[in-house]
Structures are given as structure tokens and as C-alpha cells.
C-alpha atoms as a PDB file:
ATOM      1  CA  UNK A   1     190.724  23.787  35.176  1.00  0.00           C
ATOM      2  CA  UNK A   2     187.997  21.984  33.234  1.00  0.00           C
ATOM      3  CA  UNK A   3     188.944  20.534  29.858  1.00  0.00           C
ATOM      4  CA  UNK A   4     186.588  22.965  28.142  1.00  0.00           C
ATOM      5  CA  UNK A   5     188.372  25.991  29.604  1.00  0.00           C
ATOM      6  CA  UNK A   6     191.752  24.500  28.702  1.00  0.00           C
ATOM      7  CA  UNK A   7     190.727  23.894  25.090  1.00  0.00           C
ATOM      8  CA  UNK A   8     188.930  27.236  24.659  1.00  0.00           C
ATOM      9  CA  UNK A   9     191.953  29.114  26.023  1.00  0.00           C
ATOM     10  CA  UNK A  10     194.332  27.163  23.759  1.00  0.00           C
ATOM     11  CA  UNK A  11     192.180  27.850  20.689  1.00  0.00           C
ATOM     12  CA  UNK A  12     191.981  31.567  21.523  1.00  0.00           C
ATOM     13  CA  UNK A  13     195.754  31.711  22.003  1.00  0.00           C
ATOM     14  CA  UNK A  14     196.234  30.023  18.613  1.00  0.00           C
ATOM     15  CA  UNK A  15     193.937  32.580  16.991  1.00  0.00           C
ATOM     16  CA  UNK A  16     195.588  35.696  18.483  1.00  0.00           C
ATOM     17  CA  UNK A  17     197.499  36.395  15.243  1.00  0.00           C
ATOM     18  CA  UNK A  18     194.097  37.329  13.755  1.00  0.00           C
ATOM     19  CA  UNK A  19     193.820  40.177  16.272  1.00  0.00           C
ATOM     20  CA  UNK A  20     197.385  41.343  15.596  1.00  0.00           C
ATOM     21  CA  UNK A  21     196.754  41.317  11.834  1.00  0.00           C
ATOM     22  CA  UNK A  22     193.480  43.222  12.206  1.00  0.00           C
ATOM     23  CA  UNK A  23     191.480  40.351  10.707  1.00  0.00           C
ATOM     24  CA  UNK A  24     189.173  40.406  13.752  1.00  0.00           C
ATOM     25  CA  UNK A  25     188.359  43.157  16.237  1.00  0.00           C
ATOM     26  CA  UNK A  26     187.000  40.792  18.879  1.00  0.00           C
ATOM     27  CA  UNK A  27     188.350  37.398  19.970  1.00  0.00           C
ATOM     28  CA  UNK A  28     186.820  35.929  23.112  1.00  0.00           C
ATOM     29  CA  UNK A  29     185.135  32.942  24.714  1.00  0.00           C
ATOM     30  CA  UNK A  30     181.463  32.808  23.749  1.00  0.00           C
ATOM     31  CA  UNK A  31     179.138  33.759  26.566  1.00  0.00           C
ATOM     32  CA  UNK A  32     175.964  34.747  24.758  1.00  0.00           C
ATOM     33  CA  UNK A  33     177.268  37.825  22.933  1.00  0.00           C
ATOM     34  CA  UNK A  34     175.317  36.939  19.791  1.00  0.00           C
ATOM     35  CA  UNK A  35     172.062  36.764  21.705  1.00  0.00           C
ATOM     36  CA  UNK A  36     171.854  40.544  21.777  1.00  0.00           C
ATOM     37  CA  UNK A  37     168.286  41.693  21.034  1.00  0.00           C
ATOM     38  CA  UNK A  38     169.618  44.063  18.380  1.00  0.00           C
ATOM     39  CA  UNK A  39     172.565  42.501  16.592  1.00  0.00           C
ATOM     40  CA  UNK A  40     173.293  45.820  14.867  1.00  0.00           C
ATOM     41  CA  UNK A  41     174.616  47.068  18.223  1.00  0.00           C
ATOM     42  CA  UNK A  42     177.196  44.277  18.084  1.00  0.00           C
ATOM     43  CA  UNK A  43     178.284  45.162  14.539  1.00  0.00           C
ATOM     44  CA  UNK A  44     180.725  47.768  15.879  1.00  0.00           C
ATOM     45  CA  UNK A  45     182.779  44.863  17.270  1.00  0.00           C
ATOM     46  CA  UNK A  46     182.784  42.945  13.959  1.00  0.00           C
ATOM     47  CA  UNK A  47     184.529  41.071  12.576  1.00  0.00           C
ATOM     48  CA  UNK A  48     184.389  38.988  15.725  1.00  0.00           C
ATOM     49  CA  UNK A  49     185.344  35.446  16.615  1.00  0.00           C
ATOM     50  CA  UNK A  50     183.877  33.686  19.649  1.00  0.00           C
ATOM     51  CA  UNK A  51     185.010  30.268  20.900  1.00  0.00           C
ATOM     52  CA  UNK A  52     182.968  27.713  22.848  1.00  0.00           C
ATOM     53  CA  UNK A  53     183.198  23.998  23.581  1.00  0.00           C
ATOM     54  CA  UNK A  54     179.893  22.408  22.623  1.00  0.00           C
ATOM     55  CA  UNK A  55     180.301  19.097  24.382  1.00  0.00           C
ATOM     56  CA  UNK A  56     182.443  16.049  24.923  1.00  0.00           C
ATOM     57  CA  UNK A  57     181.791  12.499  23.764  1.00  0.00           C
ATOM     58  CA  UNK A  58     183.460   9.794  25.846  1.00  0.00           C
ATOM     59  CA  UNK A  59     183.931   6.271  24.499  1.00  0.00           C
ATOM     60  CA  UNK A  60     185.234   3.579  26.844  1.00  0.00           C
ATOM     61  CA  UNK A  61     187.297   0.551  25.843  1.00  0.00           C
ATOM     62  CA  UNK A  62     188.100  -1.237  29.075  1.00  0.00           C
ATOM     63  CA  UNK A  63     189.899   1.185  31.379  1.00  0.00           C
ATOM     64  CA  UNK A  64     190.805   3.598  28.545  1.00  0.00           C
ATOM     65  CA  UNK A  65     188.538   6.385  27.395  1.00  0.00           C
ATOM     66  CA  UNK A  66     188.722   8.402  24.198  1.00  0.00           C
ATOM     67  CA  UNK A  67     187.389  11.911  24.709  1.00  0.00           C
ATOM     68  CA  UNK A  68     186.327  14.014  21.738  1.00  0.00           C
ATOM     69  CA  UNK A  69     185.509  17.661  22.319  1.00  0.00           C
ATOM     70  CA  UNK A  70     183.532  19.658  19.751  1.00  0.00           C
ATOM     71  CA  UNK A  71     184.700  23.267  19.600  1.00  0.00           C
ATOM     72  CA  UNK A  72     182.617  25.849  17.780  1.00  0.00           C
ATOM     73  CA  UNK A  73     183.864  29.172  16.499  1.00  0.00           C
ATOM     74  CA  UNK A  74     181.179  31.759  15.865  1.00  0.00           C
ATOM     75  CA  UNK A  75     182.380  34.161  13.182  1.00  0.00           C
ATOM     76  CA  UNK A  76     180.404  37.408  13.038  1.00  0.00           C
ATOM     77  CA  UNK A  77     180.977  39.948  10.285  1.00  0.00           C
ATOM     78  CA  UNK A  78     179.127  42.694   8.463  1.00  0.00           C
ATOM     79  CA  UNK A  79     179.190  40.727   5.226  1.00  0.00           C
ATOM     80  CA  UNK A  80     180.424  37.466   3.788  1.00  0.00           C
ATOM     81  CA  UNK A  81     183.130  38.549   1.353  1.00  0.00           C
ATOM     82  CA  UNK A  82     184.908  41.462   3.008  1.00  0.00           C
ATOM     83  CA  UNK A  83     187.094  43.559   0.727  1.00  0.00           C
ATOM     84  CA  UNK A  84     185.654  41.962  -2.399  1.00  0.00           C
ATOM     85  CA  UNK A  85     182.322  43.488  -1.383  1.00  0.00           C
ATOM     86  CA  UNK A  86     183.906  46.954  -0.916  1.00  0.00           C
ATOM     87  CA  UNK A  87     183.990  46.627   2.870  1.00  0.00           C
ATOM     88  CA  UNK A  88     186.919  47.853   4.897  1.00  0.00           C
ATOM     89  CA  UNK A  89     186.785  44.886   7.286  1.00  0.00           C
ATOM     90  CA  UNK A  90     187.282  41.175   6.716  1.00  0.00           C
ATOM     91  CA  UNK A  91     184.167  39.257   5.761  1.00  0.00           C
ATOM     92  CA  UNK A  92     182.991  36.038   7.385  1.00  0.00           C
ATOM     93  CA  UNK A  93     184.650  33.941   4.659  1.00  0.00           C
ATOM     94  CA  UNK A  94     188.000  35.675   5.252  1.00  0.00           C
ATOM     95  CA  UNK A  95     187.831  34.975   8.988  1.00  0.00           C
ATOM     96  CA  UNK A  96     186.758  31.344   8.469  1.00  0.00           C
ATOM     97  CA  UNK A  97     189.683  30.739   6.129  1.00  0.00           C
ATOM     98  CA  UNK A  98     192.222  32.478   8.362  1.00  0.00           C
ATOM     99  CA  UNK A  99     191.035  30.566  11.444  1.00  0.00           C
ATOM    100  CA  UNK A 100     191.173  27.244   9.587  1.00  0.00           C
ATOM    101  CA  UNK A 101     194.754  27.994   8.476  1.00  0.00           C
ATOM    102  CA  UNK A 102     195.760  28.547  12.117  1.00  0.00           C
ATOM    103  CA  UNK A 103     193.887  25.592  13.620  1.00  0.00           C
ATOM    104  CA  UNK A 104     193.314  22.678  11.229  1.00  0.00           C
ATOM    105  CA  UNK A 105     195.788  19.832  11.838  1.00  0.00           C
ATOM    106  CA  UNK A 106     197.616  21.854  14.501  1.00  0.00           C
ATOM    107  CA  UNK A 107     198.264  20.707  18.076  1.00  0.00           C
ATOM    108  CA  UNK A 108     197.105  23.563  20.307  1.00  0.00           C
ATOM    109  CA  UNK A 109     197.587  21.985  23.739  1.00  0.00           C
ATOM    110  CA  UNK A 110     199.714  19.148  25.118  1.00  0.00           C
ATOM    111  CA  UNK A 111     198.064  15.774  25.588  1.00  0.00           C
ATOM    112  CA  UNK A 112     195.440  16.354  22.908  1.00  0.00           C
ATOM    113  CA  UNK A 113     195.361  15.486  19.209  1.00  0.00           C
ATOM    114  CA  UNK A 114     195.676  18.005  16.430  1.00  0.00           C
ATOM    115  CA  UNK A 115     192.542  20.064  15.888  1.00  0.00           C
ATOM    116  CA  UNK A 116     190.440  18.874  12.941  1.00  0.00           C
ATOM    117  CA  UNK A 117     188.001  20.995  10.953  1.00  0.00           C
ATOM    118  CA  UNK A 118     184.614  19.272  10.850  1.00  0.00           C
ATOM    119  CA  UNK A 119     182.005  21.700   9.484  1.00  0.00           C
ATOM    120  CA  UNK A 120     181.344  25.312   8.504  1.00  0.00           C
ATOM    121  CA  UNK A 121     177.777  26.579   8.120  1.00  0.00           C
ATOM    122  CA  UNK A 122     175.725  29.781   8.201  1.00  0.00           C
ATOM    123  CA  UNK A 123     173.861  30.712  11.375  1.00  0.00           C
ATOM    124  CA  UNK A 124     172.545  34.192  10.517  1.00  0.00           C
ATOM    125  CA  UNK A 125     172.661  35.778   7.092  1.00  0.00           C
ATOM    126  CA  UNK A 126     171.144  39.250   7.174  1.00  0.00           C
ATOM    127  CA  UNK A 127     173.427  41.552   5.167  1.00  0.00           C
ATOM    128  CA  UNK A 128     170.698  44.206   5.057  1.00  0.00           C
ATOM    129  CA  UNK A 129     171.262  44.649   8.809  1.00  0.00           C
ATOM    130  CA  UNK A 130     175.050  44.221   8.621  1.00  0.00           C
ATOM    131  CA  UNK A 131     175.006  40.867  10.404  1.00  0.00           C
ATOM    132  CA  UNK A 132     176.421  37.645   8.989  1.00  0.00           C
ATOM    133  CA  UNK A 133     177.290  34.834  11.403  1.00  0.00           C
ATOM    134  CA  UNK A 134     178.890  31.525  10.509  1.00  0.00           C
ATOM    135  CA  UNK A 135     179.864  28.651  12.738  1.00  0.00           C
ATOM    136  CA  UNK A 136     182.942  26.524  12.268  1.00  0.00           C
ATOM    137  CA  UNK A 137     183.093  23.268  14.211  1.00  0.00           C
ATOM    138  CA  UNK A 138     186.363  21.568  15.088  1.00  0.00           C
ATOM    139  CA  UNK A 139     187.155  18.336  16.953  1.00  0.00           C
ATOM    140  CA  UNK A 140     190.014  17.562  19.290  1.00  0.00           C
ATOM    141  CA  UNK A 141     190.656  14.175  20.949  1.00  0.00           C
ATOM    142  CA  UNK A 142     192.678  12.428  23.623  1.00  0.00           C
ATOM    143  CA  UNK A 143     192.881   9.020  25.244  1.00  0.00           C
ATOM    144  CA  UNK A 144     193.061   8.699  29.020  1.00  0.00           C
ATOM    145  CA  UNK A 145     193.049   6.019  31.677  1.00  0.00           C
END
């Protein structure tokens, strides 16, 4: 299994309490779901959380390499603030916060460092269409021979 699959699966497993709590309706690896021509079609599956590894940096020091994988969570919701905006579902901010509480500084898979939150930023903000997407980037590292 490629490192990316291992990390994506571990992150998804760590985020499953969000499904059980009803914070998200969709939790899956990202495979282009947000490229839908009409994002309003996707809104029925919001709030949603998609996980994808964005790349790996490898730094060599002699025979030892340090690998750093960037993992991005795409958080899609109908609005940013959820219940505070009179919505029945969690907003993007609620999902970002809940995901960070489950991931940041937590070891999600053996042999890798704790996951570290790096950045959160808007991708799409179109509340008039019921589509708000944020990305949250995390880093996870390991050293290998």
C-alpha cells in the first residue's frame, strides 16, 4: 500500500466520530467530487469532508530520509457558521474545528509523527448557492533508512 493510501485511510478512520455524531454526512477520500459542474447537486451530501494527500517532500541526510506528507481536508458545507446561521447542519467552521480537535497533535498511524495543523483557507465561498468549501492542510512526518 502506498504511503498516501495509508495516511488517507488513517486520517479517515480518525475522523469517523464526525460521521457518528452527525457533524458530517460524507467522509471519503477525495477523487474529484468537488469538480461537479453544478455544486448545488453536491449540497445534498453536505456537510462533507474529503481527504487527499497532496504530495510528499523527501529530505536526505546521508542514508536517512525525512518524509513529510501534506494532507488536505476539503470541508464542504452549505454555510460557514452552521447553527448560528439558523441552519440545521454543521457549517464549515464547525467541521474545521471538530476535525482539528481529532487530528492536531495526534498520532494516527504507527511509524509516523503526530499530525500537525498547518493552514486553513477558503476555496469556494458562494453562500447564495449553498456552497462553502474550505481546505485544511496538515503535515505528517517520518524518518526512514
